[in-house]
Amino acid sequence: MEWPDRRQRCPWADPKNERYVRYHDEEWGVPVHEDGKLFEMLILESFQAGLSWACILNKREAFRRAFAGFDLERVCAYGEAEVEALMADPGIVRNRRKIRAAVANARVFRQIQAERGSFSAYLWGWTSGQVVYERGKSASPLSDAISRDLKRRGMSFVGSTIVYAYLQAVGVIYSHEPGCFLARQAGPERGAGEEDV
């Protein structure tokens, strides 16, 4: 594939979608430790279930508006009126189960913050703060373990495949492919038996 800037990228990056290219170049795989961004990406990834990431990315600004700039406290306070308003919002994915899950997941996210000091501490604790380098997977023992724990805590739309994509998005797992200008040499990989949660 020929890129105007002559930089080769992962095959999934769509050169016709500028948002997608920026996301690939500037966000995907960059380690995130800020809870606000971790919350945003968790909501977006949960809405992506069964859909393309391009679909969610193209609606990202509408999701930001709909979910109060991903303000955790405001989303935790959403009730039936807000759910109905979101169901009437043509800018987002209007799926009642996913909308309800986003609100419930926000409340669990806040509980984890209270328990661990931050959601970042919880998430990165699974790898002792280390980035996992691996490619060619859609799930792993690590995503299996985190998925099980989040479900146990009451989250939904957090199956292992969604969690794996989330871990890639926020840089816990680094998966830029060979030939991509952002590809790095693989570092030590960790298994699910090494989690710290």
N, C-alpha and C. Protein backbone atom coordinates (compact mmCIF):
# COMPACT_ATOMS: atom_id res chain seq x y z
N MET A 1 0.84 -1.19 0.00
CA MET A 1 0.00 0.00 0.00
C MET A 1 0.89 1.25 0.00
N GLU A 2 0.54 2.18 -0.85
CA GLU A 2 1.32 3.43 -0.95
C GLU A 2 0.67 4.50 -0.07
N TRP A 3 1.49 5.09 0.78
CA TRP A 3 1.03 6.18 1.64
C TRP A 3 1.64 7.48 1.14
N PRO A 4 0.85 8.55 1.11
CA PRO A 4 1.37 9.83 0.62
C PRO A 4 2.63 10.30 1.33
N ASP A 5 2.74 10.00 2.63
CA ASP A 5 3.92 10.43 3.37
C ASP A 5 5.04 9.39 3.37
N ARG A 6 4.83 8.30 2.60
CA ARG A 6 5.81 7.21 2.42
C ARG A 6 6.07 6.42 3.69
N ARG A 7 5.28 6.62 4.73
CA ARG A 7 5.40 5.83 5.95
C ARG A 7 4.49 4.61 5.83
N GLN A 8 5.04 3.44 6.04
CA GLN A 8 4.22 2.24 6.03
C GLN A 8 3.53 2.07 7.37
N ARG A 9 2.28 1.59 7.34
CA ARG A 9 1.49 1.43 8.54
C ARG A 9 0.90 0.03 8.61
N CYS A 10 0.31 -0.29 9.78
CA CYS A 10 -0.37 -1.57 9.93
C CYS A 10 -1.45 -1.69 8.85
N PRO A 11 -1.67 -2.89 8.32
CA PRO A 11 -2.63 -3.06 7.21
C PRO A 11 -4.04 -2.60 7.53
N TRP A 12 -4.43 -2.59 8.81
CA TRP A 12 -5.80 -2.19 9.15
C TRP A 12 -6.01 -0.68 9.08
N ALA A 13 -4.96 0.09 9.06
CA ALA A 13 -5.10 1.56 8.98
C ALA A 13 -5.62 1.93 7.60
N ASP A 14 -6.71 2.65 7.55
CA ASP A 14 -7.37 3.00 6.28
C ASP A 14 -6.86 4.35 5.78
N PRO A 15 -6.10 4.36 4.69
CA PRO A 15 -5.54 5.64 4.20
C PRO A 15 -6.61 6.62 3.75
N LYS A 16 -7.83 6.13 3.52
CA LYS A 16 -8.91 7.02 3.07
C LYS A 16 -9.63 7.68 4.23
N ASN A 17 -9.33 7.26 5.44
CA ASN A 17 -10.00 7.81 6.62
C ASN A 17 -8.96 8.53 7.48
N GLU A 18 -8.96 9.85 7.41
CA GLU A 18 -7.94 10.63 8.12
C GLU A 18 -8.00 10.42 9.63
N ARG A 19 -9.22 10.26 10.17
CA ARG A 19 -9.35 10.00 11.61
C ARG A 19 -8.65 8.69 11.99
N TYR A 20 -8.83 7.70 11.14
CA TYR A 20 -8.25 6.39 11.41
C TYR A 20 -6.72 6.46 11.36
N VAL A 21 -6.20 7.18 10.38
CA VAL A 21 -4.74 7.32 10.26
C VAL A 21 -4.17 8.04 11.48
N ARG A 22 -4.83 9.12 11.91
CA ARG A 22 -4.37 9.85 13.10
C ARG A 22 -4.44 8.95 14.33
N TYR A 23 -5.53 8.18 14.44
CA TYR A 23 -5.67 7.28 15.58
C TYR A 23 -4.53 6.26 15.58
N HIS A 24 -4.25 5.67 14.43
CA HIS A 24 -3.15 4.71 14.33
C HIS A 24 -1.82 5.34 14.71
N ASP A 25 -1.55 6.53 14.18
CA ASP A 25 -0.24 7.16 14.34
C ASP A 25 -0.03 7.75 15.73
N GLU A 26 -1.10 8.29 16.33
CA GLU A 26 -0.93 9.10 17.54
C GLU A 26 -1.48 8.47 18.82
N GLU A 27 -2.38 7.50 18.70
CA GLU A 27 -3.02 6.97 19.91
C GLU A 27 -2.82 5.48 20.12
N TRP A 28 -3.07 4.68 19.10
CA TRP A 28 -3.12 3.23 19.28
C TRP A 28 -1.77 2.69 19.74
N GLY A 29 -1.77 2.03 20.89
CA GLY A 29 -0.53 1.46 21.40
C GLY A 29 0.28 2.39 22.28
N VAL A 30 -0.16 3.64 22.44
CA VAL A 30 0.56 4.58 23.32
C VAL A 30 0.08 4.33 24.75
N PRO A 31 0.98 4.03 25.68
CA PRO A 31 0.57 3.73 27.07
C PRO A 31 -0.22 4.89 27.70
N VAL A 32 -1.39 4.55 28.20
CA VAL A 32 -2.28 5.53 28.84
C VAL A 32 -2.34 5.23 30.33
N HIS A 33 -2.11 6.26 31.15
CA HIS A 33 -2.18 6.11 32.60
C HIS A 33 -3.18 7.06 33.22
N GLU A 34 -3.85 7.85 32.40
CA GLU A 34 -4.79 8.86 32.89
C GLU A 34 -6.20 8.25 32.88
N ASP A 35 -6.85 8.27 34.04
CA ASP A 35 -8.13 7.57 34.17
C ASP A 35 -9.21 8.10 33.23
N GLY A 36 -9.22 9.40 32.96
CA GLY A 36 -10.22 9.95 32.05
C GLY A 36 -10.14 9.33 30.67
N LYS A 37 -8.94 9.20 30.17
CA LYS A 37 -8.75 8.59 28.84
C LYS A 37 -9.04 7.08 28.89
N LEU A 38 -8.65 6.44 29.98
CA LEU A 38 -8.94 5.01 30.13
C LEU A 38 -10.45 4.76 30.15
N PHE A 39 -11.18 5.66 30.78
CA PHE A 39 -12.64 5.53 30.83
C PHE A 39 -13.24 5.74 29.44
N GLU A 40 -12.79 6.77 28.76
CA GLU A 40 -13.28 7.03 27.40
C GLU A 40 -13.09 5.81 26.50
N MET A 41 -11.89 5.26 26.52
CA MET A 41 -11.60 4.13 25.63
C MET A 41 -12.39 2.89 26.03
N LEU A 42 -12.64 2.71 27.33
CA LEU A 42 -13.44 1.57 27.76
C LEU A 42 -14.87 1.67 27.22
N ILE A 43 -15.45 2.87 27.29
CA ILE A 43 -16.80 3.06 26.75
C ILE A 43 -16.81 2.82 25.24
N LEU A 44 -15.86 3.41 24.53
CA LEU A 44 -15.83 3.26 23.08
C LEU A 44 -15.63 1.81 22.67
N GLU A 45 -14.73 1.11 23.33
CA GLU A 45 -14.49 -0.29 22.98
C GLU A 45 -15.73 -1.15 23.26
N SER A 46 -16.46 -0.85 24.33
CA SER A 46 -17.65 -1.65 24.62
C SER A 46 -18.74 -1.41 23.57
N PHE A 47 -18.83 -0.20 23.03
CA PHE A 47 -19.78 0.07 21.96
C PHE A 47 -19.35 -0.57 20.64
N GLN A 48 -18.07 -0.85 20.50
CA GLN A 48 -17.56 -1.40 19.26
C GLN A 48 -17.97 -2.86 19.06
N ALA A 49 -18.39 -3.55 20.11
CA ALA A 49 -18.74 -4.97 20.02
C ALA A 49 -19.68 -5.23 18.85
N GLY A 50 -19.25 -6.08 17.93
CA GLY A 50 -20.07 -6.43 16.77
C GLY A 50 -20.02 -5.42 15.64
N LEU A 51 -19.28 -4.34 15.81
CA LEU A 51 -19.18 -3.29 14.80
C LEU A 51 -17.71 -3.07 14.45
N SER A 52 -17.48 -2.25 13.43
CA SER A 52 -16.09 -1.92 13.08
C SER A 52 -15.60 -0.78 13.96
N TRP A 53 -14.29 -0.74 14.19
CA TRP A 53 -13.72 0.36 14.96
C TRP A 53 -13.87 1.67 14.20
N ALA A 54 -13.82 1.60 12.88
CA ALA A 54 -14.00 2.81 12.07
C ALA A 54 -15.36 3.44 12.36
N CYS A 55 -16.39 2.62 12.51
CA CYS A 55 -17.73 3.13 12.82
C CYS A 55 -17.71 3.92 14.12
N ILE A 56 -17.08 3.37 15.15
CA ILE A 56 -17.02 4.04 16.45
C ILE A 56 -16.16 5.30 16.38
N LEU A 57 -15.03 5.19 15.70
CA LEU A 57 -14.11 6.33 15.60
C LEU A 57 -14.79 7.50 14.88
N ASN A 58 -15.57 7.20 13.85
CA ASN A 58 -16.26 8.26 13.11
C ASN A 58 -17.33 8.94 13.95
N LYS A 59 -17.81 8.25 14.99
CA LYS A 59 -18.84 8.81 15.87
C LYS A 59 -18.26 9.31 17.19
N ARG A 60 -16.96 9.35 17.29
CA ARG A 60 -16.31 9.65 18.57
C ARG A 60 -16.74 10.99 19.16
N GLU A 61 -16.82 12.02 18.36
CA GLU A 61 -17.21 13.34 18.89
C GLU A 61 -18.65 13.31 19.38
N ALA A 62 -19.51 12.58 18.68
CA ALA A 62 -20.90 12.46 19.13
C ALA A 62 -20.96 11.70 20.45
N PHE A 63 -20.13 10.67 20.59
CA PHE A 63 -20.06 9.95 21.86
C PHE A 63 -19.58 10.87 22.98
N ARG A 64 -18.61 11.72 22.67
CA ARG A 64 -18.11 12.66 23.68
C ARG A 64 -19.23 13.57 24.17
N ARG A 65 -20.01 14.08 23.23
CA ARG A 65 -21.13 14.95 23.61
C ARG A 65 -22.16 14.16 24.43
N ALA A 66 -22.49 12.96 23.95
CA ALA A 66 -23.53 12.16 24.58
C ALA A 66 -23.17 11.73 25.99
N PHE A 67 -21.89 11.49 26.21
CA PHE A 67 -21.43 11.03 27.52
C PHE A 67 -20.69 12.12 28.28
N ALA A 68 -21.16 13.36 28.11
CA ALA A 68 -20.70 14.49 28.94
C ALA A 68 -19.19 14.63 28.95
N GLY A 69 -18.57 14.49 27.78
CA GLY A 69 -17.11 14.59 27.71
C GLY A 69 -16.42 13.46 28.45
N PHE A 70 -17.13 12.33 28.60
CA PHE A 70 -16.64 11.17 29.35
C PHE A 70 -16.29 11.56 30.79
N ASP A 71 -17.11 12.43 31.35
CA ASP A 71 -16.98 12.81 32.75
C ASP A 71 -17.56 11.66 33.59
N LEU A 72 -16.71 10.99 34.32
CA LEU A 72 -17.11 9.78 35.04
C LEU A 72 -18.27 10.02 36.00
N GLU A 73 -18.18 11.05 36.81
CA GLU A 73 -19.24 11.30 37.80
C GLU A 73 -20.58 11.58 37.14
N ARG A 74 -20.55 12.32 36.05
CA ARG A 74 -21.81 12.64 35.36
C ARG A 74 -22.41 11.39 34.74
N VAL A 75 -21.58 10.54 34.15
CA VAL A 75 -22.10 9.31 33.54
C VAL A 75 -22.63 8.36 34.62
N CYS A 76 -21.94 8.29 35.76
CA CYS A 76 -22.41 7.45 36.87
C CYS A 76 -23.80 7.88 37.34
N ALA A 77 -24.13 9.16 37.17
CA ALA A 77 -25.41 9.69 37.63
C ALA A 77 -26.52 9.54 36.59
N TYR A 78 -26.21 9.02 35.41
CA TYR A 78 -27.24 8.87 34.37
C TYR A 78 -28.34 7.93 34.86
N GLY A 79 -29.57 8.34 34.58
CA GLY A 79 -30.74 7.53 34.90
C GLY A 79 -31.53 7.23 33.64
N GLU A 80 -32.80 6.87 33.81
CA GLU A 80 -33.62 6.49 32.67
C GLU A 80 -33.82 7.64 31.68
N ALA A 81 -33.91 8.87 32.17
CA ALA A 81 -34.10 10.01 31.26
C ALA A 81 -32.91 10.14 30.33
N GLU A 82 -31.71 9.99 30.87
CA GLU A 82 -30.51 10.09 30.05
C GLU A 82 -30.40 8.92 29.07
N VAL A 83 -30.78 7.73 29.54
CA VAL A 83 -30.77 6.56 28.64
C VAL A 83 -31.70 6.80 27.46
N GLU A 84 -32.90 7.30 27.73
CA GLU A 84 -33.86 7.57 26.65
C GLU A 84 -33.34 8.66 25.72
N ALA A 85 -32.68 9.68 26.27
CA ALA A 85 -32.11 10.73 25.43
C ALA A 85 -31.03 10.16 24.52
N LEU A 86 -30.20 9.26 25.04
CA LEU A 86 -29.16 8.63 24.23
C LEU A 86 -29.76 7.74 23.15
N MET A 87 -30.85 7.08 23.47
CA MET A 87 -31.52 6.24 22.47
C MET A 87 -32.08 7.08 21.32
N ALA A 88 -32.29 8.36 21.56
CA ALA A 88 -32.82 9.25 20.52
C ALA A 88 -31.72 10.02 19.80
N ASP A 89 -30.46 9.76 20.17
CA ASP A 89 -29.33 10.50 19.60
C ASP A 89 -28.81 9.77 18.35
N PRO A 90 -29.04 10.34 17.16
CA PRO A 90 -28.62 9.65 15.93
C PRO A 90 -27.11 9.64 15.71
N GLY A 91 -26.37 10.40 16.53
CA GLY A 91 -24.93 10.48 16.33
C GLY A 91 -24.15 9.32 16.91
N ILE A 92 -24.80 8.56 17.81
CA ILE A 92 -24.10 7.45 18.46
C ILE A 92 -24.72 6.11 18.04
N VAL A 93 -24.19 5.03 18.56
CA VAL A 93 -24.77 3.71 18.36
C VAL A 93 -25.92 3.57 19.34
N ARG A 94 -27.13 3.50 18.81
CA ARG A 94 -28.32 3.48 19.67
C ARG A 94 -28.70 2.03 20.01
N ASN A 95 -28.00 1.50 20.96
CA ASN A 95 -28.24 0.14 21.43
C ASN A 95 -28.49 0.24 22.93
N ARG A 96 -29.71 -0.08 23.34
CA ARG A 96 -30.10 0.13 24.73
C ARG A 96 -29.22 -0.67 25.69
N ARG A 97 -28.90 -1.92 25.34
CA ARG A 97 -28.07 -2.75 26.22
C ARG A 97 -26.67 -2.14 26.38
N LYS A 98 -26.12 -1.62 25.30
CA LYS A 98 -24.78 -1.02 25.39
C LYS A 98 -24.82 0.29 26.18
N ILE A 99 -25.88 1.06 26.00
CA ILE A 99 -26.00 2.32 26.74
C ILE A 99 -26.11 2.05 28.24
N ARG A 100 -26.98 1.10 28.60
CA ARG A 100 -27.12 0.74 30.01
C ARG A 100 -25.80 0.19 30.56
N ALA A 101 -25.13 -0.61 29.75
CA ALA A 101 -23.84 -1.18 30.18
C ALA A 101 -22.82 -0.07 30.42
N ALA A 102 -22.81 0.95 29.58
CA ALA A 102 -21.85 2.05 29.74
C ALA A 102 -22.03 2.73 31.10
N VAL A 103 -23.29 2.93 31.49
CA VAL A 103 -23.58 3.57 32.79
C VAL A 103 -23.18 2.64 33.93
N ALA A 104 -23.56 1.37 33.83
CA ALA A 104 -23.20 0.41 34.88
C ALA A 104 -21.69 0.25 34.96
N ASN A 105 -21.02 0.19 33.80
CA ASN A 105 -19.56 0.04 33.78
C ASN A 105 -18.88 1.25 34.40
N ALA A 106 -19.46 2.44 34.20
CA ALA A 106 -18.90 3.65 34.80
C ALA A 106 -18.91 3.52 36.33
N ARG A 107 -19.98 2.97 36.86
CA ARG A 107 -20.08 2.83 38.32
C ARG A 107 -19.07 1.81 38.85
N VAL A 108 -18.85 0.74 38.09
CA VAL A 108 -17.83 -0.24 38.49
C VAL A 108 -16.44 0.38 38.38
N PHE A 109 -16.22 1.15 37.32
CA PHE A 109 -14.95 1.86 37.12
C PHE A 109 -14.65 2.71 38.36
N ARG A 110 -15.67 3.43 38.84
CA ARG A 110 -15.50 4.29 40.01
C ARG A 110 -15.21 3.46 41.27
N GLN A 111 -15.86 2.30 41.38
CA GLN A 111 -15.59 1.42 42.52
C GLN A 111 -14.14 0.93 42.51
N ILE A 112 -13.65 0.62 41.31
CA ILE A 112 -12.26 0.17 41.19
C ILE A 112 -11.30 1.30 41.57
N GLN A 113 -11.62 2.52 41.14
CA GLN A 113 -10.81 3.67 41.55
C GLN A 113 -10.74 3.78 43.07
N ALA A 114 -11.89 3.63 43.72
CA ALA A 114 -11.93 3.75 45.18
C ALA A 114 -11.12 2.64 45.84
N GLU A 115 -11.15 1.48 45.24
CA GLU A 115 -10.44 0.33 45.82
C GLU A 115 -8.94 0.40 45.58
N ARG A 116 -8.54 0.82 44.39
CA ARG A 116 -7.13 0.75 44.00
C ARG A 116 -6.43 2.11 43.94
N GLY A 117 -7.16 3.18 44.15
CA GLY A 117 -6.57 4.51 44.06
C GLY A 117 -6.74 5.14 42.69
N SER A 118 -6.73 4.32 41.66
CA SER A 118 -7.01 4.76 40.29
C SER A 118 -7.30 3.52 39.45
N PHE A 119 -8.01 3.72 38.37
CA PHE A 119 -8.24 2.60 37.46
C PHE A 119 -6.93 2.22 36.78
N SER A 120 -6.09 3.21 36.55
CA SER A 120 -4.77 2.95 35.95
C SER A 120 -3.97 1.97 36.80
N ALA A 121 -3.99 2.16 38.12
CA ALA A 121 -3.26 1.26 39.00
C ALA A 121 -3.80 -0.16 38.89
N TYR A 122 -5.11 -0.27 38.79
CA TYR A 122 -5.74 -1.58 38.60
C TYR A 122 -5.30 -2.22 37.29
N LEU A 123 -5.46 -1.47 36.19
CA LEU A 123 -5.20 -2.04 34.87
C LEU A 123 -3.74 -2.41 34.68
N TRP A 124 -2.85 -1.48 35.02
CA TRP A 124 -1.42 -1.73 34.82
C TRP A 124 -0.85 -2.69 35.87
N GLY A 125 -1.59 -2.90 36.94
CA GLY A 125 -1.16 -3.87 37.94
C GLY A 125 -1.11 -5.29 37.41
N TRP A 126 -1.91 -5.57 36.39
CA TRP A 126 -1.91 -6.92 35.81
C TRP A 126 -0.58 -7.26 35.16
N THR A 127 0.18 -6.26 34.75
CA THR A 127 1.48 -6.52 34.10
C THR A 127 2.62 -5.88 34.88
N SER A 128 2.38 -5.53 36.12
CA SER A 128 3.38 -4.83 36.95
C SER A 128 3.91 -3.59 36.25
N GLY A 129 3.03 -2.92 35.51
CA GLY A 129 3.40 -1.68 34.84
C GLY A 129 4.16 -1.86 33.54
N GLN A 130 4.33 -3.10 33.10
CA GLN A 130 5.11 -3.37 31.89
C GLN A 130 4.21 -3.47 30.66
N VAL A 131 4.73 -3.03 29.52
CA VAL A 131 4.04 -3.21 28.25
C VAL A 131 4.29 -4.63 27.74
N VAL A 132 3.24 -5.25 27.24
CA VAL A 132 3.34 -6.59 26.65
C VAL A 132 3.45 -6.42 25.14
N TYR A 133 4.46 -7.03 24.54
CA TYR A 133 4.66 -6.94 23.09
C TYR A 133 4.19 -8.25 22.46
N GLU A 134 3.11 -8.19 21.69
CA GLU A 134 2.66 -9.37 20.96
C GLU A 134 1.78 -8.95 19.79
N ARG A 135 1.74 -9.79 18.78
CA ARG A 135 0.99 -9.47 17.56
C ARG A 135 0.18 -10.68 17.14
N GLY A 136 -0.80 -10.42 16.27
CA GLY A 136 -1.53 -11.50 15.64
C GLY A 136 -2.54 -12.20 16.52
N LYS A 137 -2.96 -11.56 17.60
CA LYS A 137 -3.93 -12.18 18.50
C LYS A 137 -5.16 -11.29 18.63
N SER A 138 -6.27 -11.91 19.01
CA SER A 138 -7.48 -11.15 19.32
C SER A 138 -7.92 -11.39 20.77
N ALA A 139 -7.21 -12.27 21.47
CA ALA A 139 -7.45 -12.53 22.89
C ALA A 139 -6.20 -13.23 23.42
N SER A 140 -6.07 -13.28 24.74
CA SER A 140 -4.89 -13.89 25.35
C SER A 140 -5.24 -14.29 26.78
N PRO A 141 -4.38 -15.05 27.44
CA PRO A 141 -4.63 -15.34 28.85
C PRO A 141 -4.78 -14.07 29.69
N LEU A 142 -4.05 -13.02 29.34
CA LEU A 142 -4.16 -11.76 30.08
C LEU A 142 -5.55 -11.14 29.90
N SER A 143 -6.02 -11.04 28.65
CA SER A 143 -7.35 -10.46 28.44
C SER A 143 -8.44 -11.36 29.01
N ASP A 144 -8.23 -12.68 28.96
CA ASP A 144 -9.18 -13.60 29.59
C ASP A 144 -9.32 -13.29 31.08
N ALA A 145 -8.18 -13.13 31.75
CA ALA A 145 -8.19 -12.91 33.20
C ALA A 145 -8.82 -11.57 33.57
N ILE A 146 -8.47 -10.51 32.83
CA ILE A 146 -9.05 -9.19 33.12
C ILE A 146 -10.55 -9.20 32.83
N SER A 147 -10.94 -9.82 31.73
CA SER A 147 -12.36 -9.92 31.38
C SER A 147 -13.15 -10.61 32.49
N ARG A 148 -12.63 -11.74 32.97
CA ARG A 148 -13.30 -12.46 34.05
C ARG A 148 -13.45 -11.58 35.29
N ASP A 149 -12.40 -10.84 35.62
CA ASP A 149 -12.45 -10.01 36.82
C ASP A 149 -13.43 -8.86 36.66
N LEU A 150 -13.45 -8.21 35.50
CA LEU A 150 -14.38 -7.10 35.28
C LEU A 150 -15.82 -7.59 35.30
N LYS A 151 -16.07 -8.76 34.71
CA LYS A 151 -17.43 -9.32 34.74
C LYS A 151 -17.83 -9.66 36.17
N ARG A 152 -16.90 -10.22 36.92
CA ARG A 152 -17.18 -10.56 38.31
C ARG A 152 -17.57 -9.30 39.11
N ARG A 153 -16.97 -8.19 38.74
CA ARG A 153 -17.26 -6.92 39.42
C ARG A 153 -18.56 -6.28 38.94
N GLY A 154 -19.13 -6.78 37.84
CA GLY A 154 -20.41 -6.27 37.37
C GLY A 154 -20.40 -5.57 36.03
N MET A 155 -19.26 -5.52 35.36
CA MET A 155 -19.22 -4.92 34.03
C MET A 155 -19.79 -5.88 32.99
N SER A 156 -20.27 -5.32 31.88
CA SER A 156 -20.71 -6.12 30.74
C SER A 156 -20.15 -5.51 29.46
N PHE A 157 -20.27 -6.25 28.37
CA PHE A 157 -19.62 -5.90 27.10
C PHE A 157 -18.11 -5.76 27.31
N VAL A 158 -17.57 -6.66 28.12
CA VAL A 158 -16.14 -6.69 28.38
C VAL A 158 -15.62 -8.13 28.22
N GLY A 159 -16.04 -8.79 27.14
CA GLY A 159 -15.52 -10.11 26.84
C GLY A 159 -14.03 -10.03 26.54
N SER A 160 -13.40 -11.17 26.45
CA SER A 160 -11.94 -11.19 26.28
C SER A 160 -11.48 -10.48 25.01
N THR A 161 -12.23 -10.61 23.91
CA THR A 161 -11.83 -9.96 22.66
C THR A 161 -11.92 -8.43 22.79
N ILE A 162 -12.99 -7.95 23.44
CA ILE A 162 -13.12 -6.50 23.65
C ILE A 162 -12.02 -6.01 24.58
N VAL A 163 -11.75 -6.75 25.64
CA VAL A 163 -10.69 -6.35 26.57
C VAL A 163 -9.34 -6.36 25.87
N TYR A 164 -9.10 -7.35 25.02
CA TYR A 164 -7.81 -7.39 24.30
C TYR A 164 -7.65 -6.14 23.43
N ALA A 165 -8.72 -5.79 22.68
CA ALA A 165 -8.66 -4.59 21.85
C ALA A 165 -8.43 -3.35 22.70
N TYR A 166 -9.05 -3.31 23.87
CA TYR A 166 -8.88 -2.20 24.80
C TYR A 166 -7.43 -2.11 25.27
N LEU A 167 -6.85 -3.25 25.64
CA LEU A 167 -5.46 -3.26 26.09
C LEU A 167 -4.51 -2.79 24.99
N GLN A 168 -4.81 -3.15 23.74
CA GLN A 168 -4.00 -2.66 22.62
C GLN A 168 -4.17 -1.15 22.47
N ALA A 169 -5.41 -0.70 22.57
CA ALA A 169 -5.70 0.72 22.36
C ALA A 169 -4.98 1.60 23.37
N VAL A 170 -4.91 1.14 24.63
CA VAL A 170 -4.32 1.98 25.70
C VAL A 170 -2.88 1.61 25.99
N GLY A 171 -2.29 0.79 25.14
CA GLY A 171 -0.85 0.56 25.20
C GLY A 171 -0.36 -0.46 26.21
N VAL A 172 -1.26 -1.16 26.88
CA VAL A 172 -0.81 -2.25 27.75
C VAL A 172 -0.22 -3.36 26.89
N ILE A 173 -0.87 -3.59 25.74
CA ILE A 173 -0.35 -4.52 24.73
C ILE A 173 0.06 -3.71 23.51
N TYR A 174 1.27 -3.94 23.03
CA TYR A 174 1.80 -3.19 21.89
C TYR A 174 1.84 -4.13 20.69
N SER A 175 1.08 -3.78 19.63
CA SER A 175 0.88 -4.73 18.54
C SER A 175 1.13 -4.17 17.14
N HIS A 176 1.82 -3.03 17.02
CA HIS A 176 2.10 -2.55 15.66
C HIS A 176 2.87 -3.62 14.89
N GLU A 177 2.45 -3.82 13.65
CA GLU A 177 2.93 -4.97 12.89
C GLU A 177 4.25 -4.71 12.18
N PRO A 178 4.99 -5.80 11.86
CA PRO A 178 6.26 -5.64 11.14
C PRO A 178 6.06 -4.83 9.85
N GLY A 179 6.95 -3.91 9.60
CA GLY A 179 6.84 -3.05 8.43
C GLY A 179 6.21 -1.71 8.75
N CYS A 180 5.41 -1.66 9.83
CA CYS A 180 4.81 -0.39 10.24
C CYS A 180 5.91 0.50 10.81
N PHE A 181 5.83 1.79 10.53
CA PHE A 181 6.89 2.69 11.01
C PHE A 181 6.91 2.80 12.53
N LEU A 182 5.85 2.35 13.19
CA LEU A 182 5.79 2.39 14.64
C LEU A 182 6.13 1.05 15.29
N ALA A 183 6.42 0.04 14.49
CA ALA A 183 6.73 -1.28 15.05
C ALA A 183 7.99 -1.20 15.90
N ARG A 184 7.97 -1.93 17.01
CA ARG A 184 9.13 -2.01 17.89
C ARG A 184 9.48 -3.47 18.09
N GLN A 185 10.70 -3.69 18.51
CA GLN A 185 11.12 -5.05 18.80
C GLN A 185 10.33 -5.58 19.99
N ALA A 186 9.99 -6.85 19.92
CA ALA A 186 9.22 -7.47 20.99
C ALA A 186 10.02 -7.47 22.28
N GLY A 187 9.35 -7.16 23.37
CA GLY A 187 9.95 -7.25 24.69
C GLY A 187 9.47 -8.49 25.39
N PRO A 188 9.70 -8.60 26.67
CA PRO A 188 9.25 -9.78 27.40
C PRO A 188 7.74 -9.86 27.42
N GLU A 189 7.22 -11.05 27.20
CA GLU A 189 5.76 -11.25 27.25
C GLU A 189 5.40 -11.89 28.58
N ARG A 190 4.18 -11.61 29.01
CA ARG A 190 3.71 -12.12 30.30
C ARG A 190 2.50 -13.00 30.07
N GLY A 191 2.30 -13.94 30.93
CA GLY A 191 1.13 -14.81 30.86
C GLY A 191 0.14 -14.46 31.95
N ALA A 192 -1.04 -15.08 31.86
CA ALA A 192 -2.10 -14.76 32.82
C ALA A 192 -1.71 -15.18 34.23
N GLY A 193 -0.78 -16.12 34.36
CA GLY A 193 -0.37 -16.56 35.69
C GLY A 193 0.44 -15.52 36.42
N GLU A 194 0.78 -14.42 35.72
CA GLU A 194 1.64 -13.41 36.34
C GLU A 194 0.89 -12.15 36.75
N GLU A 195 -0.45 -12.22 36.71
CA GLU A 195 -1.18 -11.01 37.06
C GLU A 195 -0.99 -10.65 38.52
N ASP A 196 -1.16 -9.39 38.80
CA ASP A 196 -0.92 -8.88 40.15
C ASP A 196 -2.20 -8.41 40.83
N VAL A 197 -3.34 -8.77 40.26
CA VAL A 197 -4.61 -8.31 40.84
C VAL A 197 -5.22 -9.44 41.64
